[in-house]
Full PDB file with SEQRES, HELIX, SHEET, SSBOND, CRYST1, ORIGX, SCALE, CONECT and MASTER records, all heavy atoms in Angstrom:
SEQRES   1 A   31  ALA LYS LYS ASN ILE THR SER SER LYS SER PHE GLY LYS          
SEQRES   2 A   31  LEU VAL THR ASP LYS LYS GLU LEU MET ASN ALA ILE ALA          
SEQRES   3 A   31  ASN TYR THR THR LYS                                          
HELIX    1 AA1 LYS A   18  THR A   30  1                                  13    
CRYST1    1.000    1.000    1.000  90.00  90.00  90.00 P 1           1          
ORIGX1      1.000000  0.000000  0.000000        0.00000                         
ORIGX2      0.000000  1.000000  0.000000        0.00000                         
ORIGX3      0.000000  0.000000  1.000000        0.00000                         
SCALE1      1.000000  0.000000  0.000000        0.00000                         
SCALE2      0.000000  1.000000  0.000000        0.00000                         
SCALE3      0.000000  0.000000  1.000000        0.00000                         
ATOM      1  N   ALA A   1       0.830  -1.192   0.000  1.00  0.00           N  
ATOM      2  CA  ALA A   1       0.000   0.000   0.000  1.00  0.00           C  
ATOM      3  C   ALA A   1       0.875   1.257   0.000  1.00  0.00           C  
ATOM      4  O   ALA A   1       1.949   1.295   0.595  1.00  0.00           O  
ATOM      5  CB  ALA A   1      -0.925  -0.001   1.220  1.00  0.00           C  
ATOM      6  N   LYS A   2       0.401   2.266  -0.683  1.00  0.00           N  
ATOM      7  CA  LYS A   2       1.133   3.522  -0.732  1.00  0.00           C  
ATOM      8  C   LYS A   2       1.169   4.161   0.652  1.00  0.00           C  
ATOM      9  O   LYS A   2       0.222   4.082   1.425  1.00  0.00           O  
ATOM     10  CB  LYS A   2       0.455   4.470  -1.718  1.00  0.00           C  
ATOM     11  CG  LYS A   2       0.484   3.988  -3.163  1.00  0.00           C  
ATOM     12  CD  LYS A   2      -0.208   4.987  -4.064  1.00  0.00           C  
ATOM     13  CE  LYS A   2      -0.156   4.539  -5.514  1.00  0.00           C  
ATOM     14  NZ  LYS A   2      -0.883   5.485  -6.402  1.00  0.00           N  
ATOM     15  N   LYS A   3       2.317   4.794   0.962  1.00  0.00           N  
ATOM     16  CA  LYS A   3       2.455   5.481   2.240  1.00  0.00           C  
ATOM     17  C   LYS A   3       1.734   6.825   2.224  1.00  0.00           C  
ATOM     18  O   LYS A   3       1.285   7.306   3.255  1.00  0.00           O  
ATOM     19  CB  LYS A   3       3.929   5.677   2.574  1.00  0.00           C  
ATOM     20  CG  LYS A   3       4.679   4.369   2.817  1.00  0.00           C  
ATOM     21  CD  LYS A   3       6.129   4.633   3.156  1.00  0.00           C  
ATOM     22  CE  LYS A   3       6.872   3.315   3.397  1.00  0.00           C  
ATOM     23  NZ  LYS A   3       8.302   3.540   3.700  1.00  0.00           N  
ATOM     24  N   ASN A   4       1.669   7.443   1.043  1.00  0.00           N  
ATOM     25  CA  ASN A   4       0.963   8.696   0.860  1.00  0.00           C  
ATOM     26  C   ASN A   4       0.151   8.608  -0.421  1.00  0.00           C  
ATOM     27  O   ASN A   4       0.471   7.844  -1.323  1.00  0.00           O  
ATOM     28  CB  ASN A   4       1.941   9.878   0.773  1.00  0.00           C  
ATOM     29  CG  ASN A   4       2.831  10.006   1.995  1.00  0.00           C  
ATOM     30  OD1 ASN A   4       2.362   9.949   3.117  1.00  0.00           O  
ATOM     31  ND2 ASN A   4       4.123  10.171   1.768  1.00  0.00           N  
ATOM     32  N   ILE A   5      -0.900   9.371  -0.522  1.00  0.00           N  
ATOM     33  CA  ILE A   5      -1.707   9.447  -1.739  1.00  0.00           C  
ATOM     34  C   ILE A   5      -1.840  10.910  -2.126  1.00  0.00           C  
ATOM     35  O   ILE A   5      -2.258  11.733  -1.320  1.00  0.00           O  
ATOM     36  CB  ILE A   5      -3.098   8.815  -1.546  1.00  0.00           C  
ATOM     37  CG1 ILE A   5      -2.976   7.295  -1.360  1.00  0.00           C  
ATOM     38  CG2 ILE A   5      -4.009   9.130  -2.730  1.00  0.00           C  
ATOM     39  CD1 ILE A   5      -4.296   6.610  -1.063  1.00  0.00           C  
ATOM     40  N   THR A   6      -1.482  11.216  -3.364  1.00  0.00           N  
ATOM     41  CA  THR A   6      -1.524  12.585  -3.854  1.00  0.00           C  
ATOM     42  C   THR A   6      -2.610  12.739  -4.908  1.00  0.00           C  
ATOM     43  O   THR A   6      -2.814  11.855  -5.738  1.00  0.00           O  
ATOM     44  CB  THR A   6      -0.167  12.987  -4.457  1.00  0.00           C  
ATOM     45  OG1 THR A   6       0.847  12.868  -3.455  1.00  0.00           O  
ATOM     46  CG2 THR A   6      -0.196  14.416  -4.977  1.00  0.00           C  
ATOM     47  N   SER A   7      -3.283  13.855  -4.883  1.00  0.00           N  
ATOM     48  CA  SER A   7      -4.253  14.205  -5.916  1.00  0.00           C  
ATOM     49  C   SER A   7      -4.059  15.678  -6.244  1.00  0.00           C  
ATOM     50  O   SER A   7      -4.307  16.553  -5.416  1.00  0.00           O  
ATOM     51  CB  SER A   7      -5.686  13.939  -5.441  1.00  0.00           C  
ATOM     52  OG  SER A   7      -6.630  14.266  -6.456  1.00  0.00           O  
ATOM     53  N   SER A   8      -3.607  15.961  -7.452  1.00  0.00           N  
ATOM     54  CA  SER A   8      -3.353  17.343  -7.842  1.00  0.00           C  
ATOM     55  C   SER A   8      -3.406  17.462  -9.357  1.00  0.00           C  
ATOM     56  O   SER A   8      -3.160  16.486 -10.061  1.00  0.00           O  
ATOM     57  CB  SER A   8      -1.981  17.813  -7.338  1.00  0.00           C  
ATOM     58  OG  SER A   8      -0.939  17.094  -7.988  1.00  0.00           O  
ATOM     59  N   LYS A   9      -3.728  18.633  -9.843  1.00  0.00           N  
ATOM     60  CA  LYS A   9      -3.758  18.901 -11.278  1.00  0.00           C  
ATOM     61  C   LYS A   9      -3.487  20.382 -11.517  1.00  0.00           C  
ATOM     62  O   LYS A   9      -3.801  21.225 -10.688  1.00  0.00           O  
ATOM     63  CB  LYS A   9      -5.116  18.542 -11.890  1.00  0.00           C  
ATOM     64  CG  LYS A   9      -5.393  17.047 -12.023  1.00  0.00           C  
ATOM     65  CD  LYS A   9      -6.698  16.817 -12.756  1.00  0.00           C  
ATOM     66  CE  LYS A   9      -6.980  15.302 -12.921  1.00  0.00           C  
ATOM     67  NZ  LYS A   9      -7.331  14.680 -11.677  1.00  0.00           N  
ATOM     68  N   SER A  10      -2.917  20.646 -12.667  1.00  0.00           N  
ATOM     69  CA  SER A  10      -2.830  22.024 -13.132  1.00  0.00           C  
ATOM     70  C   SER A  10      -4.202  22.450 -13.636  1.00  0.00           C  
ATOM     71  O   SER A  10      -4.923  21.657 -14.239  1.00  0.00           O  
ATOM     72  CB  SER A  10      -1.797  22.150 -14.248  1.00  0.00           C  
ATOM     73  OG  SER A  10      -0.513  21.776 -13.799  1.00  0.00           O  
ATOM     74  N   PHE A  11      -4.572  23.680 -13.396  1.00  0.00           N  
ATOM     75  CA  PHE A  11      -5.881  24.167 -13.818  1.00  0.00           C  
ATOM     76  C   PHE A  11      -5.903  24.428 -15.318  1.00  0.00           C  
ATOM     77  O   PHE A  11      -4.878  24.740 -15.939  1.00  0.00           O  
ATOM     78  CB  PHE A  11      -6.233  25.452 -13.080  1.00  0.00           C  
ATOM     79  CG  PHE A  11      -6.314  25.290 -11.581  1.00  0.00           C  
ATOM     80  CD1 PHE A  11      -5.728  26.214 -10.734  1.00  0.00           C  
ATOM     81  CD2 PHE A  11      -6.980  24.217 -11.021  1.00  0.00           C  
ATOM     82  CE1 PHE A  11      -5.796  26.076  -9.355  1.00  0.00           C  
ATOM     83  CE2 PHE A  11      -7.059  24.071  -9.646  1.00  0.00           C  
ATOM     84  CZ  PHE A  11      -6.466  24.994  -8.811  1.00  0.00           C  
ATOM     85  N   GLY A  12      -7.089  24.325 -15.885  1.00  0.00           N  
ATOM     86  CA  GLY A  12      -7.257  24.634 -17.295  1.00  0.00           C  
ATOM     87  C   GLY A  12      -7.144  26.115 -17.593  1.00  0.00           C  
ATOM     88  O   GLY A  12      -6.929  26.528 -18.731  1.00  0.00           O  
ATOM     89  N   LYS A  13      -7.320  26.952 -16.566  1.00  0.00           N  
ATOM     90  CA  LYS A  13      -7.131  28.403 -16.651  1.00  0.00           C  
ATOM     91  C   LYS A  13      -6.597  28.883 -15.324  1.00  0.00           C  
ATOM     92  O   LYS A  13      -6.706  28.200 -14.300  1.00  0.00           O  
ATOM     93  CB  LYS A  13      -8.458  29.104 -16.973  1.00  0.00           C  
ATOM     94  CG  LYS A  13      -9.492  28.972 -15.875  1.00  0.00           C  
ATOM     95  CD  LYS A  13     -10.601  30.000 -15.992  1.00  0.00           C  
ATOM     96  CE  LYS A  13     -11.428  30.053 -14.702  1.00  0.00           C  
ATOM     97  NZ  LYS A  13     -12.323  31.165 -14.616  1.00  0.00           N  
ATOM     98  N   LEU A  14      -5.990  30.044 -15.301  1.00  0.00           N  
ATOM     99  CA  LEU A  14      -5.506  30.595 -14.049  1.00  0.00           C  
ATOM    100  C   LEU A  14      -6.692  30.979 -13.167  1.00  0.00           C  
ATOM    101  O   LEU A  14      -7.674  31.544 -13.641  1.00  0.00           O  
ATOM    102  CB  LEU A  14      -4.617  31.808 -14.312  1.00  0.00           C  
ATOM    103  CG  LEU A  14      -3.327  31.517 -15.098  1.00  0.00           C  
ATOM    104  CD1 LEU A  14      -2.594  32.806 -15.417  1.00  0.00           C  
ATOM    105  CD2 LEU A  14      -2.422  30.556 -14.331  1.00  0.00           C  
ATOM    106  N   VAL A  15      -6.586  30.662 -11.877  1.00  0.00           N  
ATOM    107  CA  VAL A  15      -7.697  30.840 -10.942  1.00  0.00           C  
ATOM    108  C   VAL A  15      -7.329  31.872  -9.875  1.00  0.00           C  
ATOM    109  O   VAL A  15      -6.265  31.790  -9.267  1.00  0.00           O  
ATOM    110  CB  VAL A  15      -8.078  29.499 -10.272  1.00  0.00           C  
ATOM    111  CG1 VAL A  15      -9.203  29.714  -9.256  1.00  0.00           C  
ATOM    112  CG2 VAL A  15      -8.505  28.475 -11.315  1.00  0.00           C  
ATOM    113  N   THR A  16      -8.229  32.793  -9.656  1.00  0.00           N  
ATOM    114  CA  THR A  16      -8.051  33.796  -8.599  1.00  0.00           C  
ATOM    115  C   THR A  16      -9.115  33.685  -7.510  1.00  0.00           C  
ATOM    116  O   THR A  16      -8.892  34.088  -6.374  1.00  0.00           O  
ATOM    117  CB  THR A  16      -8.097  35.217  -9.183  1.00  0.00           C  
ATOM    118  OG1 THR A  16      -9.366  35.405  -9.845  1.00  0.00           O  
ATOM    119  CG2 THR A  16      -6.978  35.433 -10.194  1.00  0.00           C  
ATOM    120  N   ASP A  17     -10.264  33.144  -7.853  1.00  0.00           N  
ATOM    121  CA  ASP A  17     -11.411  33.086  -6.946  1.00  0.00           C  
ATOM    122  C   ASP A  17     -11.240  31.988  -5.901  1.00  0.00           C  
ATOM    123  O   ASP A  17     -10.999  30.820  -6.241  1.00  0.00           O  
ATOM    124  CB  ASP A  17     -12.694  32.859  -7.751  1.00  0.00           C  
ATOM    125  CG  ASP A  17     -13.931  32.881  -6.875  1.00  0.00           C  
ATOM    126  OD1 ASP A  17     -14.285  33.954  -6.387  1.00  0.00           O  
ATOM    127  OD2 ASP A  17     -14.535  31.817  -6.686  1.00  0.00           O  
ATOM    128  N   LYS A  18     -11.384  32.348  -4.621  1.00  0.00           N  
ATOM    129  CA  LYS A  18     -11.197  31.373  -3.548  1.00  0.00           C  
ATOM    130  C   LYS A  18     -12.239  30.270  -3.589  1.00  0.00           C  
ATOM    131  O   LYS A  18     -11.940  29.110  -3.303  1.00  0.00           O  
ATOM    132  CB  LYS A  18     -11.223  32.085  -2.186  1.00  0.00           C  
ATOM    133  CG  LYS A  18     -10.914  31.130  -1.016  1.00  0.00           C  
ATOM    134  CD  LYS A  18     -10.604  31.867   0.271  1.00  0.00           C  
ATOM    135  CE  LYS A  18     -11.818  32.499   0.865  1.00  0.00           C  
ATOM    136  NZ  LYS A  18     -11.581  33.022   2.236  1.00  0.00           N  
ATOM    137  N   LYS A  19     -13.476  30.594  -3.965  1.00  0.00           N  
ATOM    138  CA  LYS A  19     -14.526  29.585  -4.042  1.00  0.00           C  
ATOM    139  C   LYS A  19     -14.182  28.496  -5.056  1.00  0.00           C  
ATOM    140  O   LYS A  19     -14.402  27.313  -4.820  1.00  0.00           O  
ATOM    141  CB  LYS A  19     -15.874  30.239  -4.390  1.00  0.00           C  
ATOM    142  CG  LYS A  19     -17.038  29.254  -4.375  1.00  0.00           C  
ATOM    143  CD  LYS A  19     -18.356  29.943  -4.697  1.00  0.00           C  
ATOM    144  CE  LYS A  19     -19.509  28.923  -4.720  1.00  0.00           C  
ATOM    145  NZ  LYS A  19     -20.793  29.590  -5.076  1.00  0.00           N  
ATOM    146  N   GLU A  20     -13.652  28.899  -6.207  1.00  0.00           N  
ATOM    147  CA  GLU A  20     -13.253  27.929  -7.212  1.00  0.00           C  
ATOM    148  C   GLU A  20     -12.129  27.041  -6.694  1.00  0.00           C  
ATOM    149  O   GLU A  20     -12.100  25.836  -6.944  1.00  0.00           O  
ATOM    150  CB  GLU A  20     -12.815  28.636  -8.496  1.00  0.00           C  
ATOM    151  CG  GLU A  20     -13.959  29.305  -9.254  1.00  0.00           C  
ATOM    152  CD  GLU A  20     -13.502  29.929 -10.568  1.00  0.00           C  
ATOM    153  OE1 GLU A  20     -12.357  29.677 -10.986  1.00  0.00           O  
ATOM    154  OE2 GLU A  20     -14.300  30.667 -11.173  1.00  0.00           O  
ATOM    155  N   LEU A  21     -11.210  27.639  -5.950  1.00  0.00           N  
ATOM    156  CA  LEU A  21     -10.127  26.856  -5.355  1.00  0.00           C  
ATOM    157  C   LEU A  21     -10.669  25.864  -4.333  1.00  0.00           C  
ATOM    158  O   LEU A  21     -10.220  24.714  -4.265  1.00  0.00           O  
ATOM    159  CB  LEU A  21      -9.104  27.783  -4.697  1.00  0.00           C  
ATOM    160  CG  LEU A  21      -8.264  28.657  -5.636  1.00  0.00           C  
ATOM    161  CD1 LEU A  21      -7.447  29.665  -4.828  1.00  0.00           C  
ATOM    162  CD2 LEU A  21      -7.333  27.796  -6.489  1.00  0.00           C  
ATOM    163  N   MET A  22     -11.642  26.279  -3.542  1.00  0.00           N  
ATOM    164  CA  MET A  22     -12.272  25.397  -2.567  1.00  0.00           C  
ATOM    165  C   MET A  22     -12.918  24.202  -3.257  1.00  0.00           C  
ATOM    166  O   MET A  22     -12.795  23.059  -2.809  1.00  0.00           O  
ATOM    167  CB  MET A  22     -13.315  26.167  -1.753  1.00  0.00           C  
ATOM    168  CG  MET A  22     -12.754  27.149  -0.737  1.00  0.00           C  
ATOM    169  SD  MET A  22     -12.032  26.293   0.686  1.00  0.00           S  
ATOM    170  CE  MET A  22     -11.664  27.703   1.767  1.00  0.00           C  
ATOM    171  N   ASN A  23     -13.622  24.468  -4.367  1.00  0.00           N  
ATOM    172  CA  ASN A  23     -14.255  23.385  -5.125  1.00  0.00           C  
ATOM    173  C   ASN A  23     -13.214  22.411  -5.671  1.00  0.00           C  
ATOM    174  O   ASN A  23     -13.389  21.193  -5.625  1.00  0.00           O  
ATOM    175  CB  ASN A  23     -15.078  23.951  -6.277  1.00  0.00           C  
ATOM    176  CG  ASN A  23     -16.360  24.604  -5.815  1.00  0.00           C  
ATOM    177  OD1 ASN A  23     -16.798  24.430  -4.679  1.00  0.00           O  
ATOM    178  ND2 ASN A  23     -16.984  25.383  -6.688  1.00  0.00           N  
ATOM    179  N   ALA A  24     -12.121  22.968  -6.204  1.00  0.00           N  
ATOM    180  CA  ALA A  24     -11.064  22.124  -6.763  1.00  0.00           C  
ATOM    181  C   ALA A  24     -10.453  21.234  -5.679  1.00  0.00           C  
ATOM    182  O   ALA A  24     -10.292  20.023  -5.878  1.00  0.00           O  
ATOM    183  CB  ALA A  24      -9.989  22.987  -7.416  1.00  0.00           C  
ATOM    184  N   ILE A  25     -10.134  21.826  -4.529  1.00  0.00           N  
ATOM    185  CA  ILE A  25      -9.546  21.068  -3.427  1.00  0.00           C  
ATOM    186  C   ILE A  25     -10.498  19.974  -2.958  1.00  0.00           C  
ATOM    187  O   ILE A  25     -10.088  18.846  -2.654  1.00  0.00           O  
ATOM    188  CB  ILE A  25      -9.157  22.013  -2.267  1.00  0.00           C  
ATOM    189  CG1 ILE A  25      -7.910  22.811  -2.626  1.00  0.00           C  
ATOM    190  CG2 ILE A  25      -8.946  21.236  -0.971  1.00  0.00           C  
ATOM    191  CD1 ILE A  25      -6.649  21.981  -2.761  1.00  0.00           C  
ATOM    192  N   ALA A  26     -11.796  20.272  -2.885  1.00  0.00           N  
ATOM    193  CA  ALA A  26     -12.791  19.277  -2.480  1.00  0.00           C  
ATOM    194  C   ALA A  26     -12.834  18.119  -3.464  1.00  0.00           C  
ATOM    195  O   ALA A  26     -12.953  16.956  -3.074  1.00  0.00           O  
ATOM    196  CB  ALA A  26     -14.165  19.931  -2.349  1.00  0.00           C  
ATOM    197  N   ASN A  27     -12.747  18.411  -4.759  1.00  0.00           N  
ATOM    198  CA  ASN A  27     -12.740  17.361  -5.775  1.00  0.00           C  
ATOM    199  C   ASN A  27     -11.491  16.495  -5.685  1.00  0.00           C  
ATOM    200  O   ASN A  27     -11.566  15.267  -5.761  1.00  0.00           O  
ATOM    201  CB  ASN A  27     -12.852  17.983  -7.178  1.00  0.00           C  
ATOM    202  CG  ASN A  27     -14.290  18.272  -7.571  1.00  0.00           C  
ATOM    203  OD1 ASN A  27     -14.975  17.422  -8.123  1.00  0.00           O  
ATOM    204  ND2 ASN A  27     -14.755  19.484  -7.275  1.00  0.00           N  
ATOM    205  N   TYR A  28     -10.334  17.124  -5.518  1.00  0.00           N  
ATOM    206  CA  TYR A  28      -9.096  16.356  -5.390  1.00  0.00           C  
ATOM    207  C   TYR A  28      -9.121  15.483  -4.139  1.00  0.00           C  
ATOM    208  O   TYR A  28      -8.678  14.335  -4.160  1.00  0.00           O  
ATOM    209  CB  TYR A  28      -7.889  17.293  -5.342  1.00  0.00           C  
ATOM    210  CG  TYR A  28      -7.725  18.190  -6.552  1.00  0.00           C  
ATOM    211  CD1 TYR A  28      -6.988  19.372  -6.477  1.00  0.00           C  
ATOM    212  CD2 TYR A  28      -8.321  17.878  -7.768  1.00  0.00           C  
ATOM    213  CE1 TYR A  28      -6.836  20.201  -7.574  1.00  0.00           C  
ATOM    214  CE2 TYR A  28      -8.180  18.714  -8.873  1.00  0.00           C  
ATOM    215  CZ  TYR A  28      -7.444  19.881  -8.767  1.00  0.00           C  
ATOM    216  OH  TYR A  28      -7.295  20.701  -9.844  1.00  0.00           O  
ATOM    217  N   THR A  29      -9.659  16.039  -3.049  1.00  0.00           N  
ATOM    218  CA  THR A  29      -9.743  15.295  -1.793  1.00  0.00           C  
ATOM    219  C   THR A  29     -10.669  14.086  -1.935  1.00  0.00           C  
ATOM    220  O   THR A  29     -10.365  12.994  -1.450  1.00  0.00           O  
ATOM    221  CB  THR A  29     -10.232  16.207  -0.660  1.00  0.00           C  
ATOM    222  OG1 THR A  29      -9.366  17.334  -0.546  1.00  0.00           O  
ATOM    223  CG2 THR A  29     -10.272  15.460   0.669  1.00  0.00           C  
ATOM    224  N   THR A  30     -11.786  14.277  -2.617  1.00  0.00           N  
ATOM    225  CA  THR A  30     -12.738  13.191  -2.833  1.00  0.00           C  
ATOM    226  C   THR A  30     -12.091  12.032  -3.589  1.00  0.00           C  
ATOM    227  O   THR A  30     -12.250  10.866  -3.233  1.00  0.00           O  
ATOM    228  CB  THR A  30     -13.964  13.703  -3.612  1.00  0.00           C  
ATOM    229  OG1 THR A  30     -14.605  14.745  -2.855  1.00  0.00           O  
ATOM    230  CG2 THR A  30     -14.968  12.581  -3.849  1.00  0.00           C  
ATOM    231  N   LYS A  31     -11.328  12.349  -4.631  1.00  0.00           N  
ATOM    232  CA  LYS A  31     -10.653  11.309  -5.409  1.00  0.00           C  
ATOM    233  C   LYS A  31      -9.589  10.601  -4.578  1.00  0.00           C  
ATOM    234  O   LYS A  31      -9.447   9.379  -4.641  1.00  0.00           O  
ATOM    235  CB  LYS A  31     -10.037  11.924  -6.668  1.00  0.00           C  
ATOM    236  CG  LYS A  31     -11.066  12.385  -7.689  1.00  0.00           C  
ATOM    237  CD  LYS A  31     -10.428  13.063  -8.883  1.00  0.00           C  
ATOM    238  CE  LYS A  31     -11.507  13.523  -9.875  1.00  0.00           C  
ATOM    239  NZ  LYS A  31     -10.933  14.245 -11.027  1.00  0.00           N  
TER     240      LYS A  31                                                      
MASTER        0    0    0    1    0    0    0    6  239    1    0    3          
END                                                                             
């Protein structure tokens, strides 16, 4: 089993809005 699990991606566009970042982090965390 992996000791750590990473979920990350580069965005399709540059993001400034905190809400969008929150959504992205929630999606990565879910996966």
